[in-house]
Amino acid sequence: MAANSPGWSLDLRNPHVIQSFQPLWGWFYEHYFRVQTEGWEQVPDGQVMFVGSHNGGFAAPDVFMMLYDWFKCFGTERLVYGLMHPKVWTVYPHLAFMAERTGAIAAHPKMALAALDRNASILVYPGGAQDAFRPHNQRHQIHLAERKGFIKIALQRQLPIIPAVSWGAHDTLLVLANIYPLMQQLHERGMPWPLGIDPEVFPIYLGLPWGLAIGPLPNLPWPWPIATRVGAPIYFERYGIDAARDRTYVDACYGHVRHQMQQELNLLIAKQGGDRPSCSWR
């Protein structure tokens, strides 16, 4: 892809735009989602790969709250790029345009490596739409969709992986079910996808502004408290090209990261009372 294609440029990130968004994000952080966070002191100096699990549909408020904390802790001088699904530029071009100004790039290995070549850190959510729209009864589970490309990149570039989990954003959008397998069957029988794009998920959910909605529509997150937790860095025993090409080793590293993220989420859930976060943090 050409460098000027949407999502395929590192040069659109604008520190002034990020600074202009911080007060708005800060209001949502303090008053709308009443975020409680922990663990940021564990982030080491230098380049890191944040690996997150997110909730809340397309709005994904926990992602923005994580970014707010990053910029609050490290400012805009410490470069970070967030990998975002390329389809967002097609379906929501204006939102994607603004996201690019804050550091969003297309979720592709070439873009991740290009960001690392600029001495930047990267933020990845391997579970993608399947994670963000996972049904409410799966909110206790880390879902990375068996995507392991991030492991290969971390091994190639000798990056520590920082687990980043959240709790509460699943209640800003109540996903009842994902009927994508059924819709996929209907598509194979001739039903077109909305906008001609395979959405990869097809949730049924309760949320603003639609009430009951079917399909991956944009949503406004309900004001529910969110807790986030940044875990200790994960280091692997082996690094380098050979390690990244070893499927058995990549699978083992992936399992280790998923297990550690699940442990971090379990700790976060326990601190928030076992099921729902308290509404009286502040």
C-alpha atoms as a PDB file:
ATOM      1  CA  MET A   1       0.000   0.000   0.000  1.00  0.00           C
ATOM      2  CA  ALA A   2       1.146   3.556  -0.730  1.00  0.00           C
ATOM      3  CA  ALA A   3       2.272   5.666   2.216  1.00  0.00           C
ATOM      4  CA  ASN A   4      -0.578   8.096   1.532  1.00  0.00           C
ATOM      5  CA  SER A   5      -3.265   5.377   1.713  1.00  0.00           C
ATOM      6  CA  PRO A   6      -5.577   5.715   4.736  1.00  0.00           C
ATOM      7  CA  GLY A   7      -3.981   4.131   7.773  1.00  0.00           C
ATOM      8  CA  TRP A   8      -0.641   3.560   6.029  1.00  0.00           C
ATOM      9  CA  SER A   9       1.277   6.621   7.145  1.00  0.00           C
ATOM     10  CA  LEU A  10       3.143   7.303  10.372  1.00  0.00           C
ATOM     11  CA  ASP A  11       3.373  11.007   9.645  1.00  0.00           C
ATOM     12  CA  LEU A  12      -0.214  12.018  10.432  1.00  0.00           C
ATOM     13  CA  ARG A  13       0.241  11.668  14.183  1.00  0.00           C
ATOM     14  CA  ASN A  14       0.037  15.186  15.612  1.00  0.00           C
ATOM     15  CA  PRO A  15       1.105  15.910  19.222  1.00  0.00           C
ATOM     16  CA  HIS A  16      -0.911  19.156  19.212  1.00  0.00           C
ATOM     17  CA  VAL A  17      -4.083  17.262  18.310  1.00  0.00           C
ATOM     18  CA  ILE A  18      -3.366  14.766  21.093  1.00  0.00           C
ATOM     19  CA  GLN A  19      -2.903  17.588  23.604  1.00  0.00           C
ATOM     20  CA  SER A  20      -6.146  19.185  22.446  1.00  0.00           C
ATOM     21  CA  PHE A  21      -8.018  15.916  23.075  1.00  0.00           C
ATOM     22  CA  GLN A  22      -6.584  15.338  26.552  1.00  0.00           C
ATOM     23  CA  PRO A  23      -9.008  17.682  28.393  1.00  0.00           C
ATOM     24  CA  LEU A  24     -12.000  16.005  26.708  1.00  0.00           C
ATOM     25  CA  TRP A  25     -10.683  12.526  27.400  1.00  0.00           C
ATOM     26  CA  GLY A  26      -9.898  13.672  30.956  1.00  0.00           C
ATOM     27  CA  TRP A  27     -13.523  14.712  31.509  1.00  0.00           C
ATOM     28  CA  PHE A  28     -14.751  11.304  30.362  1.00  0.00           C
ATOM     29  CA  TYR A  29     -12.049   9.665  32.490  1.00  0.00           C
ATOM     30  CA  GLU A  30     -12.918  11.545  35.684  1.00  0.00           C
ATOM     31  CA  HIS A  31     -16.672  12.093  35.423  1.00  0.00           C
ATOM     32  CA  TYR A  32     -18.286   9.823  32.835  1.00  0.00           C
ATOM     33  CA  PHE A  33     -16.464   6.500  33.290  1.00  0.00           C
ATOM     34  CA  ARG A  34     -14.886   7.314  36.685  1.00  0.00           C
ATOM     35  CA  VAL A  35     -11.825   5.300  35.742  1.00  0.00           C
ATOM     36  CA  GLN A  36      -9.696   3.604  38.349  1.00  0.00           C
ATOM     37  CA  THR A  37      -6.312   2.380  37.115  1.00  0.00           C
ATOM     38  CA  GLU A  38      -3.230   0.649  38.452  1.00  0.00           C
ATOM     39  CA  GLY A  39       0.091  -0.783  37.376  1.00  0.00           C
ATOM     40  CA  TRP A  40       1.546   1.996  35.209  1.00  0.00           C
ATOM     41  CA  GLU A  41       4.684   2.122  37.350  1.00  0.00           C
ATOM     42  CA  GLN A  42       5.566  -1.329  35.936  1.00  0.00           C
ATOM     43  CA  VAL A  43       6.058  -0.024  32.382  1.00  0.00           C
ATOM     44  CA  PRO A  44       9.820  -0.105  31.658  1.00  0.00           C
ATOM     45  CA  ASP A  45      11.740   2.520  29.731  1.00  0.00           C
ATOM     46  CA  GLY A  46      12.253   2.014  26.025  1.00  0.00           C
ATOM     47  CA  GLN A  47      10.057   0.356  23.453  1.00  0.00           C
ATOM     48  CA  VAL A  48       7.234  -1.896  24.602  1.00  0.00           C
ATOM     49  CA  MET A  49       4.286  -3.694  23.073  1.00  0.00           C
ATOM     50  CA  PHE A  50       1.019  -3.146  24.920  1.00  0.00           C
ATOM     51  CA  VAL A  51      -1.321  -6.105  24.311  1.00  0.00           C
ATOM     52  CA  GLY A  52      -4.875  -5.398  25.346  1.00  0.00           C
ATOM     53  CA  SER A  53      -8.318  -6.925  25.566  1.00  0.00           C
ATOM     54  CA  HIS A  54     -11.144  -4.464  24.976  1.00  0.00           C
ATOM     55  CA  ASN A  55     -14.910  -4.205  25.367  1.00  0.00           C
ATOM     56  CA  GLY A  56     -17.779  -1.945  24.409  1.00  0.00           C
ATOM     57  CA  GLY A  57     -18.169  -2.354  20.654  1.00  0.00           C
ATOM     58  CA  PHE A  58     -16.862   0.223  18.201  1.00  0.00           C
ATOM     59  CA  ALA A  59     -16.758   2.896  20.910  1.00  0.00           C
ATOM     60  CA  ALA A  60     -14.234   0.767  22.888  1.00  0.00           C
ATOM     61  CA  PRO A  61     -14.031   3.328  25.711  1.00  0.00           C
ATOM     62  CA  ASP A  62     -11.412   1.353  27.632  1.00  0.00           C
ATOM     63  CA  VAL A  63      -8.969   1.864  24.737  1.00  0.00           C
ATOM     64  CA  PHE A  64      -9.327   5.643  24.892  1.00  0.00           C
ATOM     65  CA  MET A  65      -8.999   5.627  28.659  1.00  0.00           C
ATOM     66  CA  MET A  66      -5.761   3.605  28.315  1.00  0.00           C
ATOM     67  CA  LEU A  67      -4.446   6.133  25.801  1.00  0.00           C
ATOM     68  CA  TYR A  68      -5.353   8.992  28.128  1.00  0.00           C
ATOM     69  CA  ASP A  69      -3.333   7.335  30.895  1.00  0.00           C
ATOM     70  CA  TRP A  70      -0.366   6.771  28.555  1.00  0.00           C
ATOM     71  CA  PHE A  71      -0.220  10.434  27.547  1.00  0.00           C
ATOM     72  CA  LYS A  72      -0.784  11.533  31.138  1.00  0.00           C
ATOM     73  CA  CYS A  73       2.121   9.353  32.299  1.00  0.00           C
ATOM     74  CA  PHE A  74       4.562   9.805  29.421  1.00  0.00           C
ATOM     75  CA  GLY A  75       3.426  12.867  27.478  1.00  0.00           C
ATOM     76  CA  THR A  76       3.409  12.973  23.696  1.00  0.00           C
ATOM     77  CA  GLU A  77       7.197  12.778  23.419  1.00  0.00           C
ATOM     78  CA  ARG A  78       7.279   9.026  24.080  1.00  0.00           C
ATOM     79  CA  LEU A  79       5.949   7.741  20.770  1.00  0.00           C
ATOM     80  CA  VAL A  80       3.149   5.201  20.716  1.00  0.00           C
ATOM     81  CA  TYR A  81       1.050   4.018  17.779  1.00  0.00           C
ATOM     82  CA  GLY A  82      -2.175   2.049  18.086  1.00  0.00           C
ATOM     83  CA  LEU A  83      -3.005  -0.616  15.504  1.00  0.00           C
ATOM     84  CA  MET A  84      -6.598  -0.242  14.284  1.00  0.00           C
ATOM     85  CA  HIS A  85      -8.622  -2.501  11.977  1.00  0.00           C
ATOM     86  CA  PRO A  86      -8.177  -1.284   8.358  1.00  0.00           C
ATOM     87  CA  LYS A  87     -11.932  -1.553   7.713  1.00  0.00           C
ATOM     88  CA  VAL A  88     -12.544   1.400  10.057  1.00  0.00           C
ATOM     89  CA  TRP A  89     -11.071   3.703   7.388  1.00  0.00           C
ATOM     90  CA  THR A  90     -13.652   2.386   4.907  1.00  0.00           C
ATOM     91  CA  VAL A  91     -16.734   2.361   7.130  1.00  0.00           C
ATOM     92  CA  TYR A  92     -16.038   5.427   9.306  1.00  0.00           C
ATOM     93  CA  PRO A  93     -13.514   7.530   7.349  1.00  0.00           C
ATOM     94  CA  HIS A  94     -14.023  10.752   9.323  1.00  0.00           C
ATOM     95  CA  LEU A  95     -13.533   9.045  12.688  1.00  0.00           C
ATOM     96  CA  ALA A  96     -10.534   7.165  11.327  1.00  0.00           C
ATOM     97  CA  PHE A  97      -9.062  10.445  10.059  1.00  0.00           C
ATOM     98  CA  MET A  98      -9.175  11.882  13.586  1.00  0.00           C
ATOM     99  CA  ALA A  99      -7.833   8.661  15.083  1.00  0.00           C
ATOM    100  CA  GLU A 100      -4.825   8.874  12.749  1.00  0.00           C
ATOM    101  CA  ARG A 101      -3.981  12.272  14.259  1.00  0.00           C
ATOM    102  CA  THR A 102      -3.713  10.632  17.667  1.00  0.00           C
ATOM    103  CA  GLY A 103      -1.509   7.787  16.432  1.00  0.00           C
ATOM    104  CA  ALA A 104      -3.796   5.154  14.885  1.00  0.00           C
ATOM    105  CA  ILE A 105      -2.322   3.080  12.060  1.00  0.00           C
ATOM    106  CA  ALA A 106      -3.618   0.111  10.087  1.00  0.00           C
ATOM    107  CA  ALA A 107      -3.333  -3.209  11.905  1.00  0.00           C
ATOM    108  CA  HIS A 108      -0.769  -4.855   9.654  1.00  0.00           C
ATOM    109  CA  PRO A 109       2.690  -6.281  10.450  1.00  0.00           C
ATOM    110  CA  LYS A 110       4.386  -3.865   8.038  1.00  0.00           C
ATOM    111  CA  MET A 111       2.908  -0.871   9.858  1.00  0.00           C
ATOM    112  CA  ALA A 112       3.813  -2.282  13.268  1.00  0.00           C
ATOM    113  CA  LEU A 113       7.407  -2.811  12.150  1.00  0.00           C
ATOM    114  CA  ALA A 114       7.560   0.652  10.575  1.00  0.00           C
ATOM    115  CA  ALA A 115       6.439   2.202  13.872  1.00  0.00           C
ATOM    116  CA  LEU A 116       9.054   0.207  15.760  1.00  0.00           C
ATOM    117  CA  ASP A 117      11.687   1.414  13.300  1.00  0.00           C
ATOM    118  CA  ARG A 118      10.860   4.937  14.491  1.00  0.00           C
ATOM    119  CA  ASN A 119      11.630   3.909  18.061  1.00  0.00           C
ATOM    120  CA  ALA A 120       7.940   3.975  18.939  1.00  0.00           C
ATOM    121  CA  SER A 121       5.999   1.615  21.173  1.00  0.00           C
ATOM    122  CA  ILE A 122       2.863  -0.052  19.830  1.00  0.00           C
ATOM    123  CA  LEU A 123      -0.567  -0.857  21.240  1.00  0.00           C
ATOM    124  CA  VAL A 124      -2.322  -3.927  19.818  1.00  0.00           C
ATOM    125  CA  TYR A 125      -5.678  -5.590  20.455  1.00  0.00           C
ATOM    126  CA  PRO A 126      -5.328  -8.986  18.753  1.00  0.00           C
ATOM    127  CA  GLY A 127      -8.929 -10.014  19.456  1.00  0.00           C
ATOM    128  CA  GLY A 128     -10.234  -7.242  17.218  1.00  0.00           C
ATOM    129  CA  ALA A 129     -13.974  -6.971  16.644  1.00  0.00           C
ATOM    130  CA  GLN A 130     -14.583 -10.466  18.046  1.00  0.00           C
ATOM    131  CA  ASP A 131     -13.108  -9.271  21.336  1.00  0.00           C
ATOM    132  CA  ALA A 132     -14.811  -5.865  21.438  1.00  0.00           C
ATOM    133  CA  PHE A 133     -18.216  -7.424  20.658  1.00  0.00           C
ATOM    134  CA  ARG A 134     -17.873 -10.607  22.677  1.00  0.00           C
ATOM    135  CA  PRO A 135     -21.126 -11.522  24.456  1.00  0.00           C
ATOM    136  CA  HIS A 136     -21.640 -10.250  27.978  1.00  0.00           C
ATOM    137  CA  ASN A 137     -21.518 -13.784  29.401  1.00  0.00           C
ATOM    138  CA  GLN A 138     -17.908 -13.990  28.131  1.00  0.00           C
ATOM    139  CA  ARG A 139     -16.799 -10.802  29.868  1.00  0.00           C
ATOM    140  CA  HIS A 140     -14.656 -12.777  32.340  1.00  0.00           C
ATOM    141  CA  GLN A 141     -12.579 -14.274  29.519  1.00  0.00           C
ATOM    142  CA  ILE A 142      -9.579 -12.925  27.625  1.00  0.00           C
ATOM    143  CA  HIS A 143     -10.244 -13.361  23.922  1.00  0.00           C
ATOM    144  CA  LEU A 144      -7.310 -12.927  21.516  1.00  0.00           C
ATOM    145  CA  ALA A 145      -8.957 -14.822  18.628  1.00  0.00           C
ATOM    146  CA  GLU A 146      -5.905 -17.107  18.215  1.00  0.00           C
ATOM    147  CA  ARG A 147      -4.092 -14.293  16.357  1.00  0.00           C
ATOM    148  CA  LYS A 148      -0.377 -14.696  16.981  1.00  0.00           C
ATOM    149  CA  GLY A 149       1.261 -12.171  14.680  1.00  0.00           C
ATOM    150  CA  PHE A 150       1.965  -9.891  17.632  1.00  0.00           C
ATOM    151  CA  ILE A 151       4.023 -12.647  19.251  1.00  0.00           C
ATOM    152  CA  LYS A 152       6.188 -12.987  16.132  1.00  0.00           C
ATOM    153  CA  ILE A 153       6.823  -9.241  16.064  1.00  0.00           C
ATOM    154  CA  ALA A 154       7.712  -9.165  19.771  1.00  0.00           C
ATOM    155  CA  LEU A 155      10.159 -12.047  19.249  1.00  0.00           C
ATOM    156  CA  GLN A 156      11.747 -10.473  16.171  1.00  0.00           C
ATOM    157  CA  ARG A 157      12.267  -7.109  17.865  1.00  0.00           C
ATOM    158  CA  GLN A 158      12.975  -8.381  21.404  1.00  0.00           C
ATOM    159  CA  LEU A 159      10.098  -6.394  22.860  1.00  0.00           C
ATOM    160  CA  PRO A 160       8.645  -6.841  26.332  1.00  0.00           C
ATOM    161  CA  ILE A 161       4.883  -7.395  26.210  1.00  0.00           C
ATOM    162  CA  ILE A 162       2.799  -5.349  28.641  1.00  0.00           C
ATOM    163  CA  PRO A 163      -0.627  -6.893  29.417  1.00  0.00           C
ATOM    164  CA  ALA A 164      -3.401  -4.272  29.499  1.00  0.00           C
ATOM    165  CA  VAL A 165      -6.838  -5.371  30.699  1.00  0.00           C
ATOM    166  CA  SER A 166     -10.014  -3.602  31.717  1.00  0.00           C
ATOM    167  CA  TRP A 167     -13.255  -4.263  33.556  1.00  0.00           C
ATOM    168  CA  GLY A 168     -16.540  -2.406  33.272  1.00  0.00           C
ATOM    169  CA  ALA A 169     -16.578  -1.370  29.611  1.00  0.00           C
ATOM    170  CA  HIS A 170     -18.579  -4.511  28.808  1.00  0.00           C
ATOM    171  CA  ASP A 171     -21.490  -2.799  30.614  1.00  0.00           C
ATOM    172  CA  THR A 172     -21.326   0.294  28.397  1.00  0.00           C
ATOM    173  CA  LEU A 173     -22.748  -1.935  25.639  1.00  0.00           C
ATOM    174  CA  LEU A 174     -24.625  -5.108  26.573  1.00  0.00           C
ATOM    175  CA  VAL A 175     -23.868  -7.702  23.875  1.00  0.00           C
ATOM    176  CA  LEU A 176     -26.422 -10.493  24.076  1.00  0.00           C
ATOM    177  CA  ALA A 177     -25.133 -12.747  21.289  1.00  0.00           C
ATOM    178  CA  ASN A 178     -23.020 -12.876  18.159  1.00  0.00           C
ATOM    179  CA  ILE A 179     -24.995 -14.349  15.231  1.00  0.00           C
ATOM    180  CA  TYR A 180     -22.204 -14.008  12.678  1.00  0.00           C
ATOM    181  CA  PRO A 181     -22.182 -17.745  11.748  1.00  0.00           C
ATOM    182  CA  LEU A 182     -25.874 -17.501  10.811  1.00  0.00           C
ATOM    183  CA  MET A 183     -25.362 -14.289   8.831  1.00  0.00           C
ATOM    184  CA  GLN A 184     -22.381 -15.854   7.079  1.00  0.00           C
ATOM    185  CA  GLN A 185     -24.608 -18.724   5.923  1.00  0.00           C
ATOM    186  CA  LEU A 186     -27.177 -16.235   4.620  1.00  0.00           C
ATOM    187  CA  HIS A 187     -24.415 -14.344   2.817  1.00  0.00           C
ATOM    188  CA  GLU A 188     -23.275 -17.529   1.130  1.00  0.00           C
ATOM    189  CA  ARG A 189     -26.857 -17.940  -0.101  1.00  0.00           C
ATOM    190  CA  GLY A 190     -26.872 -14.511  -1.698  1.00  0.00           C
ATOM    191  CA  MET A 191     -27.544 -11.935   1.040  1.00  0.00           C
ATOM    192  CA  PRO A 192     -25.129  -8.991   0.618  1.00  0.00           C
ATOM    193  CA  TRP A 193     -23.097  -7.649   3.514  1.00  0.00           C
ATOM    194  CA  PRO A 194     -23.937  -4.092   4.635  1.00  0.00           C
ATOM    195  CA  LEU A 195     -21.798  -1.658   2.608  1.00  0.00           C
ATOM    196  CA  GLY A 196     -20.359  -4.692   0.835  1.00  0.00           C
ATOM    197  CA  ILE A 197     -17.920  -5.336   3.713  1.00  0.00           C
ATOM    198  CA  ASP A 198     -17.660  -8.546   5.723  1.00  0.00           C
ATOM    199  CA  PRO A 199     -18.093  -7.249   9.322  1.00  0.00           C
ATOM    200  CA  GLU A 200     -16.485 -10.363  10.920  1.00  0.00           C
ATOM    201  CA  VAL A 201     -19.028 -10.086  13.771  1.00  0.00           C
ATOM    202  CA  PHE A 202     -22.806  -9.620  13.874  1.00  0.00           C
ATOM    203  CA  PRO A 203     -23.858  -8.845  17.449  1.00  0.00           C
ATOM    204  CA  ILE A 204     -27.276  -8.430  18.990  1.00  0.00           C
ATOM    205  CA  TYR A 205     -26.931  -5.830  21.715  1.00  0.00           C
ATOM    206  CA  LEU A 206     -28.635  -3.382  24.025  1.00  0.00           C
ATOM    207  CA  GLY A 207     -27.072   0.072  23.950  1.00  0.00           C
ATOM    208  CA  LEU A 208     -27.312   3.732  23.107  1.00  0.00           C
ATOM    209  CA  PRO A 209     -28.705   5.210  20.936  1.00  0.00           C
ATOM    210  CA  TRP A 210     -30.540   2.271  19.354  1.00  0.00           C
ATOM    211  CA  GLY A 211     -31.913   0.345  22.310  1.00  0.00           C
ATOM    212  CA  LEU A 212     -31.976  -3.137  20.803  1.00  0.00           C
ATOM    213  CA  ALA A 213     -29.649  -3.307  17.794  1.00  0.00           C
ATOM    214  CA  ILE A 214     -28.554  -6.000  15.359  1.00  0.00           C
ATOM    215  CA  GLY A 215     -25.232  -5.764  13.567  1.00  0.00           C
ATOM    216  CA  PRO A 216     -21.971  -3.933  14.279  1.00  0.00           C
ATOM    217  CA  LEU A 217     -23.516  -0.456  14.399  1.00  0.00           C
ATOM    218  CA  PRO A 218     -21.722   2.476  16.036  1.00  0.00           C
ATOM    219  CA  ASN A 219     -22.777   3.076  19.609  1.00  0.00           C
ATOM    220  CA  LEU A 220     -22.634   5.628  22.388  1.00  0.00           C
ATOM    221  CA  PRO A 221     -21.200   4.042  25.543  1.00  0.00           C
ATOM    222  CA  TRP A 222     -23.364   4.012  28.637  1.00  0.00           C
ATOM    223  CA  PRO A 223     -21.714   5.887  31.556  1.00  0.00           C
ATOM    224  CA  TRP A 224     -20.453   2.951  33.581  1.00  0.00           C
ATOM    225  CA  PRO A 225     -17.340   2.861  35.793  1.00  0.00           C
ATOM    226  CA  ILE A 226     -14.265   1.337  34.172  1.00  0.00           C
ATOM    227  CA  ALA A 227     -11.219  -0.143  35.882  1.00  0.00           C
ATOM    228  CA  THR A 228      -7.953  -0.768  34.024  1.00  0.00           C
ATOM    229  CA  ARG A 229      -4.868  -2.709  34.999  1.00  0.00           C
ATOM    230  CA  VAL A 230      -1.392  -2.717  33.476  1.00  0.00           C
ATOM    231  CA  GLY A 231       0.512  -5.913  34.252  1.00  0.00           C
ATOM    232  CA  ALA A 232       4.190  -6.617  34.733  1.00  0.00           C
ATOM    233  CA  PRO A 233       6.238  -6.908  31.526  1.00  0.00           C
ATOM    234  CA  ILE A 234       6.439 -10.353  29.958  1.00  0.00           C
ATOM    235  CA  TYR A 235       9.865 -11.451  28.703  1.00  0.00           C
ATOM    236  CA  PHE A 236      10.521 -14.624  26.733  1.00  0.00           C
ATOM    237  CA  GLU A 237      13.469 -17.019  26.970  1.00  0.00           C
ATOM    238  CA  ARG A 238      14.314 -16.844  23.261  1.00  0.00           C
ATOM    239  CA  TYR A 239      14.222 -13.982  20.772  1.00  0.00           C
ATOM    240  CA  GLY A 240      15.151 -13.449  17.144  1.00  0.00           C
ATOM    241  CA  ILE A 241      14.045 -14.535  13.671  1.00  0.00           C
ATOM    242  CA  ASP A 242      14.481 -18.244  14.380  1.00  0.00           C
ATOM    243  CA  ALA A 243      12.298 -18.002  17.488  1.00  0.00           C
ATOM    244  CA  ALA A 244       9.605 -16.143  15.532  1.00  0.00           C
ATOM    245  CA  ARG A 245       9.603 -18.897  12.893  1.00  0.00           C
ATOM    246  CA  ASP A 246       9.283 -21.704  15.441  1.00  0.00           C
ATOM    247  CA  ARG A 247       5.529 -22.431  15.461  1.00  0.00           C
ATOM    248  CA  THR A 248       5.643 -24.510  18.615  1.00  0.00           C
ATOM    249  CA  TYR A 249       7.525 -21.782  20.462  1.00  0.00           C
ATOM    250  CA  VAL A 250       5.198 -19.058  19.135  1.00  0.00           C
ATOM    251  CA  ASP A 251       2.208 -21.087  20.331  1.00  0.00           C
ATOM    252  CA  ALA A 252       3.794 -21.469  23.767  1.00  0.00           C
ATOM    253  CA  CYS A 253       4.516 -17.733  24.018  1.00  0.00           C
ATOM    254  CA  TYR A 254       0.964 -16.934  22.911  1.00  0.00           C
ATOM    255  CA  GLY A 255      -0.432 -19.269  25.568  1.00  0.00           C
ATOM    256  CA  HIS A 256       1.776 -17.659  28.200  1.00  0.00           C
ATOM    257  CA  VAL A 257       0.599 -14.134  27.286  1.00  0.00           C
ATOM    258  CA  ARG A 258      -3.060 -15.147  27.230  1.00  0.00           C
ATOM    259  CA  HIS A 259      -2.689 -16.910  30.593  1.00  0.00           C
ATOM    260  CA  GLN A 260      -0.967 -13.898  32.143  1.00  0.00           C
ATOM    261  CA  MET A 261      -3.634 -11.544  30.797  1.00  0.00           C
ATOM    262  CA  GLN A 262      -6.341 -13.817  32.225  1.00  0.00           C
ATOM    263  CA  GLN A 263      -4.588 -13.724  35.600  1.00  0.00           C
ATOM    264  CA  GLU A 264      -4.449  -9.928  35.468  1.00  0.00           C
ATOM    265  CA  LEU A 265      -8.146  -9.764  34.584  1.00  0.00           C
ATOM    266  CA  ASN A 266      -9.040 -12.164  37.386  1.00  0.00           C
ATOM    267  CA  LEU A 267      -7.190  -9.940  39.861  1.00  0.00           C
ATOM    268  CA  LEU A 268      -8.970  -6.868  38.540  1.00  0.00           C
ATOM    269  CA  ILE A 269     -12.386  -8.549  38.793  1.00  0.00           C
ATOM    270  CA  ALA A 270     -11.657  -9.648  42.355  1.00  0.00           C
ATOM    271  CA  LYS A 271     -10.712  -6.100  43.340  1.00  0.00           C
ATOM    272  CA  GLN A 272     -13.927  -4.752  41.832  1.00  0.00           C
ATOM    273  CA  GLY A 273     -16.158  -7.034  43.860  1.00  0.00           C
ATOM    274  CA  GLY A 274     -16.346 -10.136  41.683  1.00  0.00           C
ATOM    275  CA  ASP A 275     -18.922  -9.113  39.098  1.00  0.00           C
ATOM    276  CA  ARG A 276     -19.672  -5.432  38.682  1.00  0.00           C
ATOM    277  CA  PRO A 277     -17.490  -2.463  39.579  1.00  0.00           C
ATOM    278  CA  SER A 278     -18.615  -0.244  42.403  1.00  0.00           C
ATOM    279  CA  CYS A 279     -20.216   3.051  41.480  1.00  0.00           C
ATOM    280  CA  SER A 280     -18.742   4.863  44.481  1.00  0.00           C
ATOM    281  CA  TRP A 281     -15.041   5.019  43.693  1.00  0.00           C
ATOM    282  CA  ARG A 282     -14.935   8.804  43.872  1.00  0.00           C
END
